């Protein structure tokens, strides 16, 4: 795999841009709700989706429509509501997305067969509130990543 970029972190800008970036299955809830000012946290969400897919052998959230995608995310990560994500009320599509049901966060229950350190990292990468998502540097310092030998990581960079 030498010379192959697995991921390119390009979504760390502050100017308004389109929210129609990132393949739908890996698109974070803030973009699904119309956010146009985003940062690296959108890439952390996408990496979390990919990590989860590697763990379970299938995409965690696989819809072909944006609000259906948000519904799938809600069933595992909990419904995005102001009590868990205060700034959600400022997103353009917040009032358009009317969940049929308020789902509790059940990511840890759904994937409880994973090793605890892997589950903890996945949980932190898939935080609904982008301001609560683990950062890239925190991810590199996470016990799950520390568990993987640095030589293995270097082979994939």
C-alpha atoms as a PDB file:
ATOM      1  CA  UNK A   1       0.000   0.000   0.000  1.00  0.00           C
ATOM      2  CA  UNK A   2       2.955   2.320  -0.215  1.00  0.00           C
ATOM      3  CA  UNK A   3       2.229   5.601  -1.937  1.00  0.00           C
ATOM      4  CA  UNK A   4      -1.546   5.363  -1.493  1.00  0.00           C
ATOM      5  CA  UNK A   5      -3.390   8.076   0.422  1.00  0.00           C
ATOM      6  CA  UNK A   6      -6.123   6.459   2.477  1.00  0.00           C
ATOM      7  CA  UNK A   7      -7.581   9.782   3.608  1.00  0.00           C
ATOM      8  CA  UNK A   8      -6.882  13.394   2.815  1.00  0.00           C
ATOM      9  CA  UNK A   9      -7.997  15.867   5.447  1.00  0.00           C
ATOM     10  CA  UNK A  10      -9.203  18.790   3.355  1.00  0.00           C
ATOM     11  CA  UNK A  11     -12.290  19.957   5.190  1.00  0.00           C
ATOM     12  CA  UNK A  12     -10.681  22.146   7.828  1.00  0.00           C
ATOM     13  CA  UNK A  13     -11.699  25.566   6.503  1.00  0.00           C
ATOM     14  CA  UNK A  14     -13.772  28.301   8.161  1.00  0.00           C
ATOM     15  CA  UNK A  15     -15.319  30.016   5.121  1.00  0.00           C
ATOM     16  CA  UNK A  16     -18.775  28.853   4.054  1.00  0.00           C
ATOM     17  CA  UNK A  17     -18.634  25.987   1.606  1.00  0.00           C
ATOM     18  CA  UNK A  18     -21.079  23.454   0.307  1.00  0.00           C
ATOM     19  CA  UNK A  19     -22.291  20.810   2.713  1.00  0.00           C
ATOM     20  CA  UNK A  20     -22.579  18.335  -0.168  1.00  0.00           C
ATOM     21  CA  UNK A  21     -19.114  16.934   0.447  1.00  0.00           C
ATOM     22  CA  UNK A  22     -18.077  13.505   1.669  1.00  0.00           C
ATOM     23  CA  UNK A  23     -19.788  10.329   0.478  1.00  0.00           C
ATOM     24  CA  UNK A  24     -23.228  10.150   2.103  1.00  0.00           C
ATOM     25  CA  UNK A  25     -22.464   7.040   4.178  1.00  0.00           C
ATOM     26  CA  UNK A  26     -19.572   8.889   5.869  1.00  0.00           C
ATOM     27  CA  UNK A  27     -21.115  12.369   6.051  1.00  0.00           C
ATOM     28  CA  UNK A  28     -21.456  13.770   9.589  1.00  0.00           C
ATOM     29  CA  UNK A  29     -24.766  14.968  11.004  1.00  0.00           C
ATOM     30  CA  UNK A  30     -23.815  18.659  10.914  1.00  0.00           C
ATOM     31  CA  UNK A  31     -23.408  18.512   7.127  1.00  0.00           C
ATOM     32  CA  UNK A  32     -26.646  16.563   6.764  1.00  0.00           C
ATOM     33  CA  UNK A  33     -28.305  19.402   8.684  1.00  0.00           C
ATOM     34  CA  UNK A  34     -26.919  22.046   6.321  1.00  0.00           C
ATOM     35  CA  UNK A  35     -23.785  23.314   8.085  1.00  0.00           C
ATOM     36  CA  UNK A  36     -21.560  25.274   5.697  1.00  0.00           C
ATOM     37  CA  UNK A  37     -18.842  26.296   8.170  1.00  0.00           C
ATOM     38  CA  UNK A  38     -17.078  23.180   9.243  1.00  0.00           C
ATOM     39  CA  UNK A  39     -13.656  22.031  10.343  1.00  0.00           C
ATOM     40  CA  UNK A  40     -11.556  18.910  10.730  1.00  0.00           C
ATOM     41  CA  UNK A  41     -14.226  17.314  12.925  1.00  0.00           C
ATOM     42  CA  UNK A  42     -16.116  16.306   9.751  1.00  0.00           C
ATOM     43  CA  UNK A  43     -13.117  14.184   8.767  1.00  0.00           C
ATOM     44  CA  UNK A  44     -12.953  12.655  12.249  1.00  0.00           C
ATOM     45  CA  UNK A  45     -16.587  11.551  11.845  1.00  0.00           C
ATOM     46  CA  UNK A  46     -15.788  10.028   8.439  1.00  0.00           C
ATOM     47  CA  UNK A  47     -12.767   8.218   9.879  1.00  0.00           C
ATOM     48  CA  UNK A  48     -14.973   6.917  12.688  1.00  0.00           C
ATOM     49  CA  UNK A  49     -17.421   5.537  10.124  1.00  0.00           C
ATOM     50  CA  UNK A  50     -14.576   3.838   8.271  1.00  0.00           C
ATOM     51  CA  UNK A  51     -13.077   2.482  11.506  1.00  0.00           C
ATOM     52  CA  UNK A  52     -16.469   1.087  12.482  1.00  0.00           C
ATOM     53  CA  UNK A  53     -16.864  -0.451   9.048  1.00  0.00           C
ATOM     54  CA  UNK A  54     -13.492  -2.165   9.421  1.00  0.00           C
ATOM     55  CA  UNK A  55     -14.554  -3.507  12.817  1.00  0.00           C
ATOM     56  CA  UNK A  56     -17.986  -4.841  11.833  1.00  0.00           C
ATOM     57  CA  UNK A  57     -17.451  -5.641   8.146  1.00  0.00           C
ATOM     58  CA  UNK A  58     -20.172  -3.363   6.764  1.00  0.00           C
ATOM     59  CA  UNK A  59     -21.019   0.322   6.600  1.00  0.00           C
ATOM     60  CA  UNK A  60     -22.441   1.612   9.878  1.00  0.00           C
ATOM     61  CA  UNK A  61     -24.871   4.005   8.175  1.00  0.00           C
ATOM     62  CA  UNK A  62     -25.839   3.225   4.583  1.00  0.00           C
ATOM     63  CA  UNK A  63     -28.706   5.187   3.095  1.00  0.00           C
ATOM     64  CA  UNK A  64     -29.107   6.839  -0.282  1.00  0.00           C
ATOM     65  CA  UNK A  65     -31.032   9.862   1.026  1.00  0.00           C
ATOM     66  CA  UNK A  66     -29.837  12.539   3.461  1.00  0.00           C
ATOM     67  CA  UNK A  67     -32.665  12.533   5.996  1.00  0.00           C
ATOM     68  CA  UNK A  68     -32.837   8.735   5.934  1.00  0.00           C
ATOM     69  CA  UNK A  69     -29.088   8.777   6.622  1.00  0.00           C
ATOM     70  CA  UNK A  70     -29.673  11.054   9.607  1.00  0.00           C
ATOM     71  CA  UNK A  71     -32.346   8.632  10.838  1.00  0.00           C
ATOM     72  CA  UNK A  72     -29.859   5.720  10.665  1.00  0.00           C
ATOM     73  CA  UNK A  73     -27.287   7.767  12.567  1.00  0.00           C
ATOM     74  CA  UNK A  74     -29.929   8.636  15.176  1.00  0.00           C
ATOM     75  CA  UNK A  75     -30.749   4.987  15.823  1.00  0.00           C
ATOM     76  CA  UNK A  76     -27.147   4.261  16.859  1.00  0.00           C
ATOM     77  CA  UNK A  77     -25.697   7.604  17.993  1.00  0.00           C
ATOM     78  CA  UNK A  78     -28.901   9.043  19.433  1.00  0.00           C
ATOM     79  CA  UNK A  79     -31.181  11.682  17.988  1.00  0.00           C
ATOM     80  CA  UNK A  80     -29.425  15.026  17.524  1.00  0.00           C
ATOM     81  CA  UNK A  81     -31.264  17.283  19.973  1.00  0.00           C
ATOM     82  CA  UNK A  82     -30.229  20.462  21.834  1.00  0.00           C
ATOM     83  CA  UNK A  83     -29.747  18.592  25.119  1.00  0.00           C
ATOM     84  CA  UNK A  84     -26.778  16.705  23.632  1.00  0.00           C
ATOM     85  CA  UNK A  85     -25.792  19.256  20.978  1.00  0.00           C
ATOM     86  CA  UNK A  86     -26.729  22.807  22.048  1.00  0.00           C
ATOM     87  CA  UNK A  87     -25.711  24.549  18.802  1.00  0.00           C
ATOM     88  CA  UNK A  88     -27.811  22.250  16.625  1.00  0.00           C
ATOM     89  CA  UNK A  89     -30.621  24.819  16.746  1.00  0.00           C
ATOM     90  CA  UNK A  90     -28.454  27.133  14.603  1.00  0.00           C
ATOM     91  CA  UNK A  91     -28.168  24.697  11.692  1.00  0.00           C
ATOM     92  CA  UNK A  92     -30.188  25.486   8.542  1.00  0.00           C
ATOM     93  CA  UNK A  93     -32.083  22.177   8.365  1.00  0.00           C
ATOM     94  CA  UNK A  94     -32.639  21.663  12.092  1.00  0.00           C
ATOM     95  CA  UNK A  95     -36.326  22.589  11.881  1.00  0.00           C
ATOM     96  CA  UNK A  96     -36.791  20.546   8.698  1.00  0.00           C
ATOM     97  CA  UNK A  97     -35.551  17.310  10.255  1.00  0.00           C
ATOM     98  CA  UNK A  98     -38.409  16.186  12.434  1.00  0.00           C
ATOM     99  CA  UNK A  99     -37.460  12.860  13.989  1.00  0.00           C
ATOM    100  CA  UNK A 100     -40.346  10.438  14.308  1.00  0.00           C
ATOM    101  CA  UNK A 101     -38.795   9.217  17.526  1.00  0.00           C
ATOM    102  CA  UNK A 102     -36.127  10.383  19.959  1.00  0.00           C
ATOM    103  CA  UNK A 103     -33.528   7.636  20.089  1.00  0.00           C
ATOM    104  CA  UNK A 104     -31.074   7.274  22.976  1.00  0.00           C
ATOM    105  CA  UNK A 105     -27.387   6.826  22.192  1.00  0.00           C
ATOM    106  CA  UNK A 106     -26.750   3.099  21.946  1.00  0.00           C
ATOM    107  CA  UNK A 107     -23.450   2.881  20.093  1.00  0.00           C
ATOM    108  CA  UNK A 108     -21.684   1.159  23.013  1.00  0.00           C
ATOM    109  CA  UNK A 109     -24.510  -1.358  23.354  1.00  0.00           C
ATOM    110  CA  UNK A 110     -24.710  -2.031  19.604  1.00  0.00           C
ATOM    111  CA  UNK A 111     -20.972  -2.705  19.266  1.00  0.00           C
ATOM    112  CA  UNK A 112     -20.214  -4.115  22.737  1.00  0.00           C
ATOM    113  CA  UNK A 113     -18.311  -7.051  21.230  1.00  0.00           C
ATOM    114  CA  UNK A 114     -15.462  -4.690  20.295  1.00  0.00           C
ATOM    115  CA  UNK A 115     -12.465  -4.351  22.605  1.00  0.00           C
ATOM    116  CA  UNK A 116     -13.088  -1.547  25.118  1.00  0.00           C
ATOM    117  CA  UNK A 117     -10.340   0.715  23.756  1.00  0.00           C
ATOM    118  CA  UNK A 118     -11.666   0.332  20.186  1.00  0.00           C
ATOM    119  CA  UNK A 119     -15.226   1.000  21.333  1.00  0.00           C
ATOM    120  CA  UNK A 120     -14.113   4.068  23.275  1.00  0.00           C
ATOM    121  CA  UNK A 121     -12.345   5.524  20.239  1.00  0.00           C
ATOM    122  CA  UNK A 122     -15.317   4.810  17.973  1.00  0.00           C
ATOM    123  CA  UNK A 123     -17.660   6.420  20.502  1.00  0.00           C
ATOM    124  CA  UNK A 124     -15.511   9.565  20.659  1.00  0.00           C
ATOM    125  CA  UNK A 125     -15.126   9.816  16.876  1.00  0.00           C
ATOM    126  CA  UNK A 126     -18.882   9.496  16.357  1.00  0.00           C
ATOM    127  CA  UNK A 127     -19.963  12.155  18.843  1.00  0.00           C
ATOM    128  CA  UNK A 128     -22.990  13.964  17.410  1.00  0.00           C
ATOM    129  CA  UNK A 129     -21.813  17.401  18.541  1.00  0.00           C
ATOM    130  CA  UNK A 130     -18.743  18.239  16.421  1.00  0.00           C
ATOM    131  CA  UNK A 131     -17.306  20.315  19.277  1.00  0.00           C
ATOM    132  CA  UNK A 132     -17.316  17.174  21.441  1.00  0.00           C
ATOM    133  CA  UNK A 133     -15.668  14.911  18.866  1.00  0.00           C
ATOM    134  CA  UNK A 134     -12.162  13.709  19.583  1.00  0.00           C
ATOM    135  CA  UNK A 135      -9.465  15.691  17.759  1.00  0.00           C
ATOM    136  CA  UNK A 136      -6.936  14.206  15.352  1.00  0.00           C
ATOM    137  CA  UNK A 137      -4.094  14.638  17.856  1.00  0.00           C
ATOM    138  CA  UNK A 138      -6.182  13.109  20.655  1.00  0.00           C
ATOM    139  CA  UNK A 139      -6.974  10.210  18.335  1.00  0.00           C
ATOM    140  CA  UNK A 140      -3.279   9.557  17.772  1.00  0.00           C
ATOM    141  CA  UNK A 141      -2.753   9.532  21.556  1.00  0.00           C
ATOM    142  CA  UNK A 142      -5.758   7.275  22.205  1.00  0.00           C
ATOM    143  CA  UNK A 143      -5.025   3.908  23.906  1.00  0.00           C
ATOM    144  CA  UNK A 144      -6.424   1.959  20.944  1.00  0.00           C
ATOM    145  CA  UNK A 145      -3.987   3.625  18.549  1.00  0.00           C
ATOM    146  CA  UNK A 146      -1.182   3.273  21.091  1.00  0.00           C
ATOM    147  CA  UNK A 147      -1.950  -0.447  21.187  1.00  0.00           C
ATOM    148  CA  UNK A 148      -1.188  -0.773  17.486  1.00  0.00           C
ATOM    149  CA  UNK A 149       2.534  -0.893  16.835  1.00  0.00           C
ATOM    150  CA  UNK A 150       3.864   2.278  15.248  1.00  0.00           C
ATOM    151  CA  UNK A 151       5.542   0.253  12.497  1.00  0.00           C
ATOM    152  CA  UNK A 152       2.153  -1.071  11.402  1.00  0.00           C
ATOM    153  CA  UNK A 153       0.789   2.476  11.248  1.00  0.00           C
ATOM    154  CA  UNK A 154       3.819   3.648   9.265  1.00  0.00           C
ATOM    155  CA  UNK A 155       3.161   0.984   6.615  1.00  0.00           C
ATOM    156  CA  UNK A 156      -0.217   2.567   5.889  1.00  0.00           C
ATOM    157  CA  UNK A 157       0.897   6.201   5.784  1.00  0.00           C
END
